[in-house]
Amino acid sequence: MKIRQGFVSNSSSSSFIVLGAPVDWENMTETERDELYDSVDIVLHPGDDDVDEPIAGMFLADISEYDCGKDEMDLVQFDEMVQALCAVLNVNRSQIRIYSGTRMS
């Protein structure tokens, strides 16, 4: 008899940590939405993802039940990521947040 130890699930899900900011999804044109998808790692939506409002951002971590890898980042790299995201989303630093949650795949 085989016994599996560790995480077991019948559904597919992944946890995420995203550096991002809210976006005004409802007032964006289709072209603006396409450009946004091209310029960030992910756009999270209420109802589908574990967020309260549309969020655009860059992954700090994206961990599925099949990928339990380890990453690290120093503060200089983190600051560069914040600056890049501010430029892409046309927001100031005070609007950038760290979001975490679970997505169903």
PDB file of N, CA and C in Angstrom:
ATOM      1  N   MET A   1       0.834  -1.175   0.000  1.00  0.00           N
ATOM      2  CA  MET A   1       0.000   0.000   0.000  1.00  0.00           C
ATOM      3  C   MET A   1       0.882   1.243   0.000  1.00  0.00           C
ATOM      4  N   LYS A   2       0.559   2.220  -0.891  1.00  0.00           N
ATOM      5  CA  LYS A   2       1.310   3.475  -0.947  1.00  0.00           C
ATOM      6  C   LYS A   2       0.584   4.536  -0.139  1.00  0.00           C
ATOM      7  N   ILE A   3       1.337   5.309   0.585  1.00  0.00           N
ATOM      8  CA  ILE A   3       0.784   6.405   1.376  1.00  0.00           C
ATOM      9  C   ILE A   3       1.459   7.691   0.930  1.00  0.00           C
ATOM     10  N   ARG A   4       0.670   8.687   0.595  1.00  0.00           N
ATOM     11  CA  ARG A   4       1.224   9.982   0.212  1.00  0.00           C
ATOM     12  C   ARG A   4       1.211  10.888   1.419  1.00  0.00           C
ATOM     13  N   GLN A   5       2.350  11.473   1.707  1.00  0.00           N
ATOM     14  CA  GLN A   5       2.449  12.424   2.798  1.00  0.00           C
ATOM     15  C   GLN A   5       2.573  13.811   2.211  1.00  0.00           C
ATOM     16  N   GLY A   6       1.994  14.789   2.854  1.00  0.00           N
ATOM     17  CA  GLY A   6       2.065  16.161   2.361  1.00  0.00           C
ATOM     18  C   GLY A   6       0.725  16.620   1.842  1.00  0.00           C
ATOM     19  N   PHE A   7       0.754  17.648   1.033  1.00  0.00           N
ATOM     20  CA  PHE A   7      -0.454  18.293   0.523  1.00  0.00           C
ATOM     21  C   PHE A   7      -1.163  17.395  -0.484  1.00  0.00           C
ATOM     22  N   VAL A   8      -2.456  17.177  -0.278  1.00  0.00           N
ATOM     23  CA  VAL A   8      -3.266  16.398  -1.203  1.00  0.00           C
ATOM     24  C   VAL A   8      -4.522  17.195  -1.499  1.00  0.00           C
ATOM     25  N   SER A   9      -4.874  17.283  -2.779  1.00  0.00           N
ATOM     26  CA  SER A   9      -6.057  18.045  -3.159  1.00  0.00           C
ATOM     27  C   SER A   9      -6.702  17.416  -4.379  1.00  0.00           C
ATOM     28  N   ASN A  10      -8.017  17.488  -4.426  1.00  0.00           N
ATOM     29  CA  ASN A  10      -8.747  17.012  -5.599  1.00  0.00           C
ATOM     30  C   ASN A  10      -9.007  18.142  -6.579  1.00  0.00           C
ATOM     31  N   SER A  11      -8.717  19.354  -6.195  1.00  0.00           N
ATOM     32  CA  SER A  11      -8.915  20.489  -7.093  1.00  0.00           C
ATOM     33  C   SER A  11      -7.577  21.142  -7.370  1.00  0.00           C
ATOM     34  N   SER A  12      -7.536  21.890  -8.434  1.00  0.00           N
ATOM     35  CA  SER A  12      -6.298  22.560  -8.807  1.00  0.00           C
ATOM     36  C   SER A  12      -6.366  24.012  -8.351  1.00  0.00           C
ATOM     37  N   SER A  13      -5.416  24.427  -7.551  1.00  0.00           N
ATOM     38  CA  SER A  13      -5.376  25.807  -7.086  1.00  0.00           C
ATOM     39  C   SER A  13      -3.923  26.249  -6.965  1.00  0.00           C
ATOM     40  N   SER A  14      -3.732  27.546  -6.890  1.00  0.00           N
ATOM     41  CA  SER A  14      -2.391  28.065  -6.678  1.00  0.00           C
ATOM     42  C   SER A  14      -2.475  29.286  -5.785  1.00  0.00           C
ATOM     43  N   SER A  15      -1.440  29.475  -5.008  1.00  0.00           N
ATOM     44  CA  SER A  15      -1.339  30.655  -4.155  1.00  0.00           C
ATOM     45  C   SER A  15      -0.467  31.669  -4.855  1.00  0.00           C
ATOM     46  N   PHE A  16      -0.724  32.936  -4.581  1.00  0.00           N
ATOM     47  CA  PHE A  16       0.055  33.971  -5.235  1.00  0.00           C
ATOM     48  C   PHE A  16       0.401  35.082  -4.265  1.00  0.00           C
ATOM     49  N   ILE A  17       1.490  35.750  -4.558  1.00  0.00           N
ATOM     50  CA  ILE A  17       1.854  37.020  -3.940  1.00  0.00           C
ATOM     51  C   ILE A  17       2.164  37.945  -5.100  1.00  0.00           C
ATOM     52  N   VAL A  18       1.412  39.033  -5.185  1.00  0.00           N
ATOM     53  CA  VAL A  18       1.514  39.949  -6.312  1.00  0.00           C
ATOM     54  C   VAL A  18       1.814  41.351  -5.804  1.00  0.00           C
ATOM     55  N   LEU A  19       2.741  42.004  -6.460  1.00  0.00           N
ATOM     56  CA  LEU A  19       2.994  43.422  -6.251  1.00  0.00           C
ATOM     57  C   LEU A  19       2.129  44.133  -7.270  1.00  0.00           C
ATOM     58  N   GLY A  20       1.163  44.940  -6.817  1.00  0.00           N
ATOM     59  CA  GLY A  20       0.250  45.522  -7.790  1.00  0.00           C
ATOM     60  C   GLY A  20      -0.498  46.729  -7.276  1.00  0.00           C
ATOM     61  N   ALA A  21      -1.451  47.164  -8.098  1.00  0.00           N
ATOM     62  CA  ALA A  21      -2.280  48.310  -7.772  1.00  0.00           C
ATOM     63  C   ALA A  21      -3.646  48.120  -8.426  1.00  0.00           C
ATOM     64  N   PRO A  22      -4.687  48.703  -7.823  1.00  0.00           N
ATOM     65  CA  PRO A  22      -6.009  48.630  -8.437  1.00  0.00           C
ATOM     66  C   PRO A  22      -6.017  49.316  -9.798  1.00  0.00           C
ATOM     67  N   VAL A  23      -6.835  48.789 -10.716  1.00  0.00           N
ATOM     68  CA  VAL A  23      -7.009  49.402 -12.033  1.00  0.00           C
ATOM     69  C   VAL A  23      -8.494  49.635 -12.264  1.00  0.00           C
ATOM     70  N   ASP A  24      -8.801  50.656 -13.040  1.00  0.00           N
ATOM     71  CA  ASP A  24     -10.190  51.015 -13.352  1.00  0.00           C
ATOM     72  C   ASP A  24     -10.648  50.202 -14.566  1.00  0.00           C
ATOM     73  N   TRP A  25     -10.827  48.911 -14.363  1.00  0.00           N
ATOM     74  CA  TRP A  25     -11.119  47.958 -15.430  1.00  0.00           C
ATOM     75  C   TRP A  25     -12.380  48.332 -16.208  1.00  0.00           C
ATOM     76  N   GLU A  26     -13.410  48.754 -15.509  1.00  0.00           N
ATOM     77  CA  GLU A  26     -14.697  49.043 -16.145  1.00  0.00           C
ATOM     78  C   GLU A  26     -14.617  50.188 -17.142  1.00  0.00           C
ATOM     79  N   ASN A  27     -13.734  51.140 -16.910  1.00  0.00           N
ATOM     80  CA  ASN A  27     -13.635  52.308 -17.795  1.00  0.00           C
ATOM     81  C   ASN A  27     -12.519  52.208 -18.826  1.00  0.00           C
ATOM     82  N   MET A  28     -11.897  51.031 -18.933  1.00  0.00           N
ATOM     83  CA  MET A  28     -10.829  50.839 -19.917  1.00  0.00           C
ATOM     84  C   MET A  28     -11.431  50.349 -21.234  1.00  0.00           C
ATOM     85  N   THR A  29     -10.832  50.782 -22.329  1.00  0.00           N
ATOM     86  CA  THR A  29     -11.236  50.272 -23.638  1.00  0.00           C
ATOM     87  C   THR A  29     -10.638  48.884 -23.829  1.00  0.00           C
ATOM     88  N   GLU A  30     -11.113  48.169 -24.813  1.00  0.00           N
ATOM     89  CA  GLU A  30     -10.569  46.838 -25.117  1.00  0.00           C
ATOM     90  C   GLU A  30      -9.075  46.930 -25.443  1.00  0.00           C
ATOM     91  N   THR A  31      -8.691  47.972 -26.176  1.00  0.00           N
ATOM     92  CA  THR A  31      -7.277  48.176 -26.517  1.00  0.00           C
ATOM     93  C   THR A  31      -6.451  48.420 -25.260  1.00  0.00           C
ATOM     94  N   GLU A  32      -6.950  49.246 -24.340  1.00  0.00           N
ATOM     95  CA  GLU A  32      -6.234  49.518 -23.093  1.00  0.00           C
ATOM     96  C   GLU A  32      -6.094  48.245 -22.252  1.00  0.00           C
ATOM     97  N   ARG A  33      -7.136  47.421 -22.254  1.00  0.00           N
ATOM     98  CA  ARG A  33      -7.065  46.160 -21.515  1.00  0.00           C
ATOM     99  C   ARG A  33      -6.018  45.231 -22.121  1.00  0.00           C
ATOM    100  N   ASP A  34      -5.992  45.152 -23.448  1.00  0.00           N
ATOM    101  CA  ASP A  34      -4.984  44.312 -24.120  1.00  0.00           C
ATOM    102  C   ASP A  34      -3.579  44.798 -23.816  1.00  0.00           C
ATOM    103  N   GLU A  35      -3.370  46.114 -23.845  1.00  0.00           N
ATOM    104  CA  GLU A  35      -2.061  46.685 -23.537  1.00  0.00           C
ATOM    105  C   GLU A  35      -1.668  46.394 -22.092  1.00  0.00           C
ATOM    106  N   LEU A  36      -2.645  46.444 -21.189  1.00  0.00           N
ATOM    107  CA  LEU A  36      -2.377  46.149 -19.784  1.00  0.00           C
ATOM    108  C   LEU A  36      -1.929  44.694 -19.632  1.00  0.00           C
ATOM    109  N   TYR A  37      -2.661  43.769 -20.261  1.00  0.00           N
ATOM    110  CA  TYR A  37      -2.278  42.349 -20.197  1.00  0.00           C
ATOM    111  C   TYR A  37      -0.869  42.128 -20.741  1.00  0.00           C
ATOM    112  N   ASP A  38      -0.475  42.894 -21.756  1.00  0.00           N
ATOM    113  CA  ASP A  38       0.857  42.749 -22.341  1.00  0.00           C
ATOM    114  C   ASP A  38       1.961  43.317 -21.455  1.00  0.00           C
ATOM    115  N   SER A  39       1.617  44.237 -20.542  1.00  0.00           N
ATOM    116  CA  SER A  39       2.652  44.946 -19.789  1.00  0.00           C
ATOM    117  C   SER A  39       2.831  44.467 -18.346  1.00  0.00           C
ATOM    118  N   VAL A  40       1.948  43.599 -17.851  1.00  0.00           N
ATOM    119  CA  VAL A  40       2.074  43.088 -16.487  1.00  0.00           C
ATOM    120  C   VAL A  40       2.053  41.562 -16.511  1.00  0.00           C
ATOM    121  N   ASP A  41       2.381  40.956 -15.365  1.00  0.00           N
ATOM    122  CA  ASP A  41       2.351  39.499 -15.267  1.00  0.00           C
ATOM    123  C   ASP A  41       0.925  38.967 -15.159  1.00  0.00           C
ATOM    124  N   ILE A  42       0.068  39.725 -14.449  1.00  0.00           N
ATOM    125  CA  ILE A  42      -1.268  39.211 -14.146  1.00  0.00           C
ATOM    126  C   ILE A  42      -2.252  40.344 -13.885  1.00  0.00           C
ATOM    127  N   VAL A  43      -3.495  40.094 -14.239  1.00  0.00           N
ATOM    128  CA  VAL A  43      -4.607  40.953 -13.846  1.00  0.00           C
ATOM    129  C   VAL A  43      -5.559  40.061 -13.060  1.00  0.00           C
ATOM    130  N   LEU A  44      -5.779  40.413 -11.804  1.00  0.00           N
ATOM    131  CA  LEU A  44      -6.672  39.661 -10.930  1.00  0.00           C
ATOM    132  C   LEU A  44      -8.050  40.315 -10.945  1.00  0.00           C
ATOM    133  N   HIS A  45      -9.094  39.485 -10.931  1.00  0.00           N
ATOM    134  CA  HIS A  45     -10.467  39.996 -10.987  1.00  0.00           C
ATOM    135  C   HIS A  45     -11.279  39.489  -9.796  1.00  0.00           C
ATOM    136  N   PRO A  46     -12.135  40.344  -9.233  1.00  0.00           N
ATOM    137  CA  PRO A  46     -13.023  39.890  -8.165  1.00  0.00           C
ATOM    138  C   PRO A  46     -13.903  38.747  -8.672  1.00  0.00           C
ATOM    139  N   GLY A  47     -14.191  37.829  -7.805  1.00  0.00           N
ATOM    140  CA  GLY A  47     -15.031  36.701  -8.191  1.00  0.00           C
ATOM    141  C   GLY A  47     -14.222  35.524  -8.702  1.00  0.00           C
ATOM    142  N   ASP A  48     -13.227  35.786  -9.544  1.00  0.00           N
ATOM    143  CA  ASP A  48     -12.383  34.711 -10.067  1.00  0.00           C
ATOM    144  C   ASP A  48     -11.158  34.500  -9.193  1.00  0.00           C
ATOM    145  N   ASP A  49     -10.657  35.568  -8.636  1.00  0.00           N
ATOM    146  CA  ASP A  49      -9.452  35.527  -7.808  1.00  0.00           C
ATOM    147  C   ASP A  49      -9.812  36.064  -6.426  1.00  0.00           C
ATOM    148  N   ASP A  50      -8.932  35.910  -5.496  1.00  0.00           N
ATOM    149  CA  ASP A  50      -9.199  36.282  -4.104  1.00  0.00           C
ATOM    150  C   ASP A  50      -8.873  37.763  -3.857  1.00  0.00           C
ATOM    151  N   VAL A  51      -9.535  38.662  -4.623  1.00  0.00           N
ATOM    152  CA  VAL A  51      -9.333  40.105  -4.466  1.00  0.00           C
ATOM    153  C   VAL A  51     -10.692  40.808  -4.466  1.00  0.00           C
ATOM    154  N   ASP A  52     -10.724  42.019  -3.924  1.00  0.00           N
ATOM    155  CA  ASP A  52     -11.969  42.783  -3.833  1.00  0.00           C
ATOM    156  C   ASP A  52     -12.205  43.706  -5.022  1.00  0.00           C
ATOM    157  N   GLU A  53     -11.149  44.025  -5.767  1.00  0.00           N
ATOM    158  CA  GLU A  53     -11.244  44.919  -6.919  1.00  0.00           C
ATOM    159  C   GLU A  53     -10.214  44.482  -7.958  1.00  0.00           C
ATOM    160  N   PRO A  54     -10.370  44.901  -9.226  1.00  0.00           N
ATOM    161  CA  PRO A  54      -9.382  44.513 -10.241  1.00  0.00           C
ATOM    162  C   PRO A  54      -7.984  45.022  -9.873  1.00  0.00           C
ATOM    163  N   ILE A  55      -7.016  44.133  -9.958  1.00  0.00           N
ATOM    164  CA  ILE A  55      -5.626  44.432  -9.605  1.00  0.00           C
ATOM    165  C   ILE A  55      -4.730  44.029 -10.770  1.00  0.00           C
ATOM    166  N   ALA A  56      -3.810  44.894 -11.143  1.00  0.00           N
ATOM    167  CA  ALA A  56      -2.793  44.556 -12.142  1.00  0.00           C
ATOM    168  C   ALA A  56      -1.447  44.562 -11.446  1.00  0.00           C
ATOM    169  N   GLY A  57      -0.599  43.599 -11.803  1.00  0.00           N
ATOM    170  CA  GLY A  57       0.681  43.580 -11.123  1.00  0.00           C
ATOM    171  C   GLY A  57       1.664  42.563 -11.641  1.00  0.00           C
ATOM    172  N   MET A  58       2.704  42.392 -10.836  1.00  0.00           N
ATOM    173  CA  MET A  58       3.806  41.485 -11.138  1.00  0.00           C
ATOM    174  C   MET A  58       3.909  40.457 -10.021  1.00  0.00           C
ATOM    175  N   PHE A  59       4.187  39.218 -10.399  1.00  0.00           N
ATOM    176  CA  PHE A  59       4.310  38.159  -9.409  1.00  0.00           C
ATOM    177  C   PHE A  59       5.546  38.349  -8.543  1.00  0.00           C
ATOM    178  N   LEU A  60       5.362  38.228  -7.241  1.00  0.00           N
ATOM    179  CA  LEU A  60       6.478  38.033  -6.320  1.00  0.00           C
ATOM    180  C   LEU A  60       6.619  36.534  -6.078  1.00  0.00           C
ATOM    181  N   ALA A  61       5.474  35.836  -6.093  1.00  0.00           N
ATOM    182  CA  ALA A  61       5.464  34.375  -5.978  1.00  0.00           C
ATOM    183  C   ALA A  61       4.163  33.855  -6.568  1.00  0.00           C
ATOM    184  N   ASP A  62       4.259  32.723  -7.237  1.00  0.00           N
ATOM    185  CA  ASP A  62       3.096  32.036  -7.808  1.00  0.00           C
ATOM    186  C   ASP A  62       3.330  30.558  -7.582  1.00  0.00           C
ATOM    187  N   ILE A  63       2.660  30.007  -6.584  1.00  0.00           N
ATOM    188  CA  ILE A  63       2.970  28.658  -6.129  1.00  0.00           C
ATOM    189  C   ILE A  63       1.750  27.763  -6.303  1.00  0.00           C
ATOM    190  N   SER A  64       1.897  26.729  -7.110  1.00  0.00           N
ATOM    191  CA  SER A  64       0.828  25.747  -7.267  1.00  0.00           C
ATOM    192  C   SER A  64       1.162  24.528  -6.428  1.00  0.00           C
ATOM    193  N   GLU A  65       0.203  23.612  -6.360  1.00  0.00           N
ATOM    194  CA  GLU A  65       0.460  22.391  -5.598  1.00  0.00           C
ATOM    195  C   GLU A  65       1.560  21.559  -6.232  1.00  0.00           C
ATOM    196  N   TYR A  66       1.894  21.850  -7.493  1.00  0.00           N
ATOM    197  CA  TYR A  66       2.923  21.103  -8.199  1.00  0.00           C
ATOM    198  C   TYR A  66       4.278  21.813  -8.177  1.00  0.00           C
ATOM    199  N   ASP A  67       4.289  23.067  -7.749  1.00  0.00           N
ATOM    200  CA  ASP A  67       5.512  23.868  -7.781  1.00  0.00           C
ATOM    201  C   ASP A  67       5.687  24.548  -6.440  1.00  0.00           C
ATOM    202  N   CYS A  68       6.487  23.986  -5.606  1.00  0.00           N
ATOM    203  CA  CYS A  68       6.734  24.552  -4.280  1.00  0.00           C
ATOM    204  C   CYS A  68       8.151  25.091  -4.213  1.00  0.00           C
ATOM    205  N   GLY A  69       8.541  25.815  -5.247  1.00  0.00           N
ATOM    206  CA  GLY A  69       9.891  26.342  -5.345  1.00  0.00           C
ATOM    207  C   GLY A  69      10.162  27.455  -4.351  1.00  0.00           C
ATOM    208  N   LYS A  70      11.399  27.907  -4.336  1.00  0.00           N
ATOM    209  CA  LYS A  70      11.828  28.949  -3.413  1.00  0.00           C
ATOM    210  C   LYS A  70      12.491  30.054  -4.225  1.00  0.00           C
ATOM    211  N   ASP A  71      12.125  31.283  -3.935  1.00  0.00           N
ATOM    212  CA  ASP A  71      12.726  32.441  -4.580  1.00  0.00           C
ATOM    213  C   ASP A  71      13.167  33.429  -3.516  1.00  0.00           C
ATOM    214  N   GLU A  72      14.033  34.330  -3.916  1.00  0.00           N
ATOM    215  CA  GLU A  72      14.404  35.420  -3.020  1.00  0.00           C
ATOM    216  C   GLU A  72      14.662  36.660  -3.839  1.00  0.00           C
ATOM    217  N   MET A  73      14.565  37.819  -3.176  1.00  0.00           N
ATOM    218  CA  MET A  73      14.758  39.100  -3.837  1.00  0.00           C
ATOM    219  C   MET A  73      15.315  40.067  -2.798  1.00  0.00           C
ATOM    220  N   ASP A  74      16.328  40.834  -3.168  1.00  0.00           N
ATOM    221  CA  ASP A  74      16.830  41.828  -2.226  1.00  0.00           C
ATOM    222  C   ASP A  74      16.013  43.117  -2.374  1.00  0.00           C
ATOM    223  N   LEU A  75      16.221  44.057  -1.466  1.00  0.00           N
ATOM    224  CA  LEU A  75      15.416  45.278  -1.465  1.00  0.00           C
ATOM    225  C   LEU A  75      15.690  46.175  -2.669  1.00  0.00           C
ATOM    226  N   VAL A  76      16.885  46.112  -3.219  1.00  0.00           N
ATOM    227  CA  VAL A  76      17.182  46.885  -4.432  1.00  0.00           C
ATOM    228  C   VAL A  76      16.349  46.352  -5.595  1.00  0.00           C
ATOM    229  N   GLN A  77      16.303  45.034  -5.745  1.00  0.00           N
ATOM    230  CA  GLN A  77      15.488  44.433  -6.802  1.00  0.00           C
ATOM    231  C   GLN A  77      14.004  44.737  -6.589  1.00  0.00           C
ATOM    232  N   PHE A  78      13.570  44.678  -5.332  1.00  0.00           N
ATOM    233  CA  PHE A  78      12.181  44.971  -5.017  1.00  0.00           C
ATOM    234  C   PHE A  78      11.840  46.417  -5.386  1.00  0.00           C
ATOM    235  N   ASP A  79      12.727  47.347  -5.027  1.00  0.00           N
ATOM    236  CA  ASP A  79      12.500  48.753  -5.348  1.00  0.00           C
ATOM    237  C   ASP A  79      12.459  48.976  -6.859  1.00  0.00           C
ATOM    238  N   GLU A  80      13.311  48.298  -7.603  1.00  0.00           N
ATOM    239  CA  GLU A  80      13.291  48.399  -9.064  1.00  0.00           C
ATOM    240  C   GLU A  80      11.962  47.887  -9.628  1.00  0.00           C
ATOM    241  N   MET A  81      11.446  46.825  -9.029  1.00  0.00           N
ATOM    242  CA  MET A  81      10.164  46.283  -9.462  1.00  0.00           C
ATOM    243  C   MET A  81       9.036  47.278  -9.172  1.00  0.00           C
ATOM    244  N   VAL A  82       9.075  47.920  -8.009  1.00  0.00           N
ATOM    245  CA  VAL A  82       8.074  48.937  -7.658  1.00  0.00           C
ATOM    246  C   VAL A  82       8.131  50.090  -8.655  1.00  0.00           C
ATOM    247  N   GLN A  83       9.327  50.570  -8.958  1.00  0.00           N
ATOM    248  CA  GLN A  83       9.483  51.678  -9.908  1.00  0.00           C
ATOM    249  C   GLN A  83       8.952  51.308 -11.289  1.00  0.00           C
ATOM    250  N   ALA A  84       9.261  50.105 -11.740  1.00  0.00           N
ATOM    251  CA  ALA A  84       8.790  49.653 -13.055  1.00  0.00           C
ATOM    252  C   ALA A  84       7.271  49.562 -13.084  1.00  0.00           C
ATOM    253  N   LEU A  85       6.686  49.046 -12.022  1.00  0.00           N
ATOM    254  CA  LEU A  85       5.238  48.910 -11.965  1.00  0.00           C
ATOM    255  C   LEU A  85       4.554  50.278 -11.917  1.00  0.00           C
ATOM    256  N   CYS A  86       5.137  51.211 -11.185  1.00  0.00           N
ATOM    257  CA  CYS A  86       4.601  52.583 -11.159  1.00  0.00           C
ATOM    258  C   CYS A  86       4.570  53.173 -12.564  1.00  0.00           C
ATOM    259  N   ALA A  87       5.615  52.964 -13.317  1.00  0.00           N
ATOM    260  CA  ALA A  87       5.691  53.493 -14.678  1.00  0.00           C
ATOM    261  C   ALA A  87       4.654  52.830 -15.586  1.00  0.00           C
ATOM    262  N   VAL A  88       4.518  51.520 -15.490  1.00  0.00           N
ATOM    263  CA  VAL A  88       3.583  50.786 -16.350  1.00  0.00           C
ATOM    264  C   VAL A  88       2.137  51.162 -16.044  1.00  0.00           C
ATOM    265  N   LEU A  89       1.802  51.269 -14.772  1.00  0.00           N
ATOM    266  CA  LEU A  89       0.421  51.538 -14.374  1.00  0.00           C
ATOM    267  C   LEU A  89       0.117  53.017 -14.218  1.00  0.00           C
ATOM    268  N   ASN A  90       1.140  53.855 -14.351  1.00  0.00           N
ATOM    269  CA  ASN A  90       0.988  55.298 -14.196  1.00  0.00           C
ATOM    270  C   ASN A  90       0.371  55.654 -12.834  1.00  0.00           C
ATOM    271  N   VAL A  91       0.989  55.082 -11.781  1.00  0.00           N
ATOM    272  CA  VAL A  91       0.558  55.347 -10.413  1.00  0.00           C
ATOM    273  C   VAL A  91       1.767  55.778  -9.595  1.00  0.00           C
ATOM    274  N   ASN A  92       1.508  56.318  -8.404  1.00  0.00           N
ATOM    275  CA  ASN A  92       2.632  56.662  -7.534  1.00  0.00           C
ATOM    276  C   ASN A  92       2.879  55.520  -6.546  1.00  0.00           C
ATOM    277  N   ARG A  93       4.004  55.569  -5.884  1.00  0.00           N
ATOM    278  CA  ARG A  93       4.440  54.485  -5.001  1.00  0.00           C
ATOM    279  C   ARG A  93       3.426  54.168  -3.902  1.00  0.00           C
ATOM    280  N   SER A  94       2.713  55.178  -3.434  1.00  0.00           N
ATOM    281  CA  SER A  94       1.770  54.952  -2.342  1.00  0.00           C
ATOM    282  C   SER A  94       0.583  54.087  -2.764  1.00  0.00           C
ATOM    283  N   GLN A  95       0.371  53.907  -4.049  1.00  0.00           N
ATOM    284  CA  GLN A  95      -0.737  53.089  -4.542  1.00  0.00           C
ATOM    285  C   GLN A  95      -0.347  51.618  -4.725  1.00  0.00           C
ATOM    286  N   ILE A  96       0.937  51.324  -4.676  1.00  0.00           N
ATOM    287  CA  ILE A  96       1.410  49.956  -4.851  1.00  0.00           C
ATOM    288  C   ILE A  96       1.228  49.188  -3.547  1.00  0.00           C
ATOM    289  N   ARG A  97       0.695  47.968  -3.664  1.00  0.00           N
ATOM    290  CA  ARG A  97       0.442  47.114  -2.518  1.00  0.00           C
ATOM    291  C   ARG A  97       0.954  45.698  -2.800  1.00  0.00           C
ATOM    292  N   ILE A  98       1.053  44.911  -1.755  1.00  0.00           N
ATOM    293  CA  ILE A  98       1.350  43.490  -1.884  1.00  0.00           C
ATOM    294  C   ILE A  98       0.052  42.744  -1.597  1.00  0.00           C
ATOM    295  N   TYR A  99      -0.355  41.919  -2.559  1.00  0.00           N
ATOM    296  CA  TYR A  99      -1.590  41.135  -2.448  1.00  0.00           C
ATOM    297  C   TYR A  99      -1.221  39.656  -2.408  1.00  0.00           C
ATOM    298  N   SER A 100      -1.994  38.905  -1.624  1.00  0.00           N
ATOM    299  CA  SER A 100      -1.802  37.459  -1.604  1.00  0.00           C
ATOM    300  C   SER A 100      -3.162  36.789  -1.575  1.00  0.00           C
ATOM    301  N   GLY A 101      -3.195  35.576  -2.059  1.00  0.00           N
ATOM    302  CA  GLY A 101      -4.457  34.851  -2.073  1.00  0.00           C
ATOM    303  C   GLY A 101      -4.316  33.518  -2.784  1.00  0.00           C
ATOM    304  N   THR A 102      -5.465  32.963  -3.139  1.00  0.00           N
ATOM    305  CA  THR A 102      -5.516  31.673  -3.821  1.00  0.00           C
ATOM    306  C   THR A 102      -6.407  31.790  -5.029  1.00  0.00           C
ATOM    307  N   ARG A 103      -5.954  31.198  -6.132  1.00  0.00           N
ATOM    308  CA  ARG A 103      -6.735  31.154  -7.364  1.00  0.00           C
ATOM    309  C   ARG A 103      -7.088  29.719  -7.656  1.00  0.00           C
ATOM    310  N   MET A 104      -8.284  29.518  -8.194  1.00  0.00           N
ATOM    311  CA  MET A 104      -8.672  28.194  -8.661  1.00  0.00           C
ATOM    312  C   MET A 104      -8.294  28.100 -10.121  1.00  0.00           C
ATOM    313  N   SER A 105      -7.644  27.021 -10.515  1.00  0.00           N
ATOM    314  CA  SER A 105      -7.210  26.854 -11.906  1.00  0.00           C
ATOM    315  C   SER A 105      -8.200  26.053 -12.706  1.00  0.00           C
TER     316      SER A 105
END
